[in-house]
Amino acid sequence: MNDNFNSSKIKNYDNTLNNEESEYKKLLTVLKEIRETIALLEKTISR
């Protein structure tokens, strides 16, 4: 029984890490898009 519990905890921990990694990648993508938008706005304003 204890082995099943530990195995379940490990799987949950792995899922949590995968989810956090996925969220981190999404955040990086959004930040990259924001940076590109700001760069375009700066070019537009400085014309």
N, C-alpha and C. Protein backbone atom coordinates (compact mmCIF):
# COMPACT_ATOMS: atom_id res chain seq x y z
N MET A 1 0.83 -1.19 0.00
CA MET A 1 0.00 0.00 0.00
C MET A 1 0.87 1.25 0.00
N ASN A 2 1.91 1.25 0.79
CA ASN A 2 2.80 2.41 0.87
C ASN A 2 3.50 2.66 -0.46
N ASP A 3 3.85 1.57 -1.17
CA ASP A 3 4.49 1.73 -2.48
C ASP A 3 3.55 2.41 -3.47
N ASN A 4 2.28 2.04 -3.43
CA ASN A 4 1.30 2.68 -4.32
C ASN A 4 1.16 4.15 -3.99
N PHE A 5 1.15 4.46 -2.72
CA PHE A 5 1.03 5.86 -2.29
C PHE A 5 2.23 6.67 -2.77
N ASN A 6 3.43 6.12 -2.58
CA ASN A 6 4.65 6.82 -3.01
C ASN A 6 4.68 6.99 -4.52
N SER A 7 4.27 5.95 -5.23
CA SER A 7 4.23 6.02 -6.69
C SER A 7 3.25 7.10 -7.14
N SER A 8 2.12 7.17 -6.47
CA SER A 8 1.12 8.19 -6.80
C SER A 8 1.66 9.59 -6.52
N LYS A 9 2.37 9.76 -5.41
CA LYS A 9 2.95 11.07 -5.08
C LYS A 9 3.97 11.48 -6.13
N ILE A 10 4.78 10.52 -6.58
CA ILE A 10 5.80 10.82 -7.59
C ILE A 10 5.13 11.24 -8.90
N LYS A 11 4.09 10.52 -9.30
CA LYS A 11 3.39 10.87 -10.54
C LYS A 11 2.76 12.25 -10.44
N ASN A 12 2.15 12.55 -9.30
CA ASN A 12 1.56 13.87 -9.11
C ASN A 12 2.62 14.96 -9.16
N TYR A 13 3.76 14.69 -8.55
CA TYR A 13 4.86 15.65 -8.56
C TYR A 13 5.36 15.87 -9.99
N ASP A 14 5.52 14.78 -10.74
CA ASP A 14 5.95 14.89 -12.13
C ASP A 14 4.95 15.69 -12.96
N ASN A 15 3.66 15.43 -12.74
CA ASN A 15 2.63 16.17 -13.46
C ASN A 15 2.68 17.65 -13.12
N THR A 16 2.92 17.95 -11.85
CA THR A 16 3.02 19.34 -11.42
C THR A 16 4.21 20.02 -12.10
N LEU A 17 5.35 19.33 -12.16
CA LEU A 17 6.53 19.90 -12.81
C LEU A 17 6.27 20.13 -14.29
N ASN A 18 5.64 19.15 -14.95
CA ASN A 18 5.34 19.30 -16.37
C ASN A 18 4.40 20.47 -16.61
N ASN A 19 3.41 20.62 -15.75
CA ASN A 19 2.47 21.72 -15.88
C ASN A 19 3.17 23.06 -15.66
N GLU A 20 4.03 23.14 -14.66
CA GLU A 20 4.76 24.38 -14.40
C GLU A 20 5.68 24.71 -15.56
N GLU A 21 6.32 23.69 -16.14
CA GLU A 21 7.20 23.92 -17.28
C GLU A 21 6.39 24.43 -18.48
N SER A 22 5.22 23.85 -18.67
CA SER A 22 4.34 24.28 -19.76
C SER A 22 3.90 25.72 -19.55
N GLU A 23 3.52 26.06 -18.34
CA GLU A 23 3.10 27.44 -18.04
C GLU A 23 4.26 28.41 -18.24
N TYR A 24 5.46 27.99 -17.88
CA TYR A 24 6.65 28.83 -18.05
C TYR A 24 6.90 29.09 -19.53
N LYS A 25 6.76 28.05 -20.35
CA LYS A 25 6.96 28.22 -21.79
C LYS A 25 5.91 29.14 -22.39
N LYS A 26 4.66 29.01 -21.92
CA LYS A 26 3.60 29.91 -22.39
C LYS A 26 3.91 31.35 -22.01
N LEU A 27 4.38 31.55 -20.80
CA LEU A 27 4.73 32.89 -20.33
C LEU A 27 5.84 33.48 -21.19
N LEU A 28 6.86 32.69 -21.49
CA LEU A 28 7.96 33.18 -22.33
C LEU A 28 7.45 33.58 -23.71
N THR A 29 6.53 32.80 -24.25
CA THR A 29 5.96 33.12 -25.56
C THR A 29 5.20 34.43 -25.52
N VAL A 30 4.40 34.62 -24.50
CA VAL A 30 3.63 35.87 -24.36
C VAL A 30 4.57 37.06 -24.18
N LEU A 31 5.60 36.90 -23.37
CA LEU A 31 6.55 37.99 -23.16
C LEU A 31 7.29 38.34 -24.45
N LYS A 32 7.61 37.34 -25.24
CA LYS A 32 8.27 37.57 -26.53
C LYS A 32 7.34 38.36 -27.46
N GLU A 33 6.06 37.99 -27.48
CA GLU A 33 5.09 38.71 -28.30
C GLU A 33 4.95 40.16 -27.84
N ILE A 34 4.93 40.37 -26.55
CA ILE A 34 4.83 41.73 -26.00
C ILE A 34 6.05 42.55 -26.40
N ARG A 35 7.23 41.95 -26.30
CA ARG A 35 8.46 42.64 -26.68
C ARG A 35 8.42 43.05 -28.15
N GLU A 36 7.95 42.14 -29.01
CA GLU A 36 7.86 42.45 -30.44
C GLU A 36 6.85 43.57 -30.70
N THR A 37 5.74 43.55 -30.00
CA THR A 37 4.72 44.59 -30.15
C THR A 37 5.27 45.94 -29.72
N ILE A 38 5.98 45.97 -28.62
CA ILE A 38 6.58 47.22 -28.14
C ILE A 38 7.59 47.75 -29.15
N ALA A 39 8.39 46.86 -29.72
CA ALA A 39 9.37 47.28 -30.71
C ALA A 39 8.68 47.89 -31.92
N LEU A 40 7.58 47.28 -32.37
CA LEU A 40 6.84 47.84 -33.50
C LEU A 40 6.23 49.19 -33.15
N LEU A 41 5.69 49.32 -31.96
CA LEU A 41 5.13 50.60 -31.53
C LEU A 41 6.20 51.68 -31.46
N GLU A 42 7.37 51.33 -30.97
CA GLU A 42 8.46 52.31 -30.90
C GLU A 42 8.84 52.78 -32.29
N LYS A 43 8.88 51.86 -33.25
CA LYS A 43 9.21 52.25 -34.63
C LYS A 43 8.14 53.17 -35.20
N THR A 44 6.88 52.84 -34.91
CA THR A 44 5.77 53.65 -35.42
C THR A 44 5.78 55.05 -34.82
N ILE A 45 6.04 55.15 -33.54
CA ILE A 45 6.03 56.44 -32.85
C ILE A 45 7.21 57.30 -33.29
N SER A 46 8.36 56.69 -33.52
CA SER A 46 9.56 57.47 -33.83
C SER A 46 9.60 57.94 -35.28
N ARG A 47 8.64 57.57 -36.09
CA ARG A 47 8.63 58.00 -37.50
C ARG A 47 8.19 59.40 -37.66
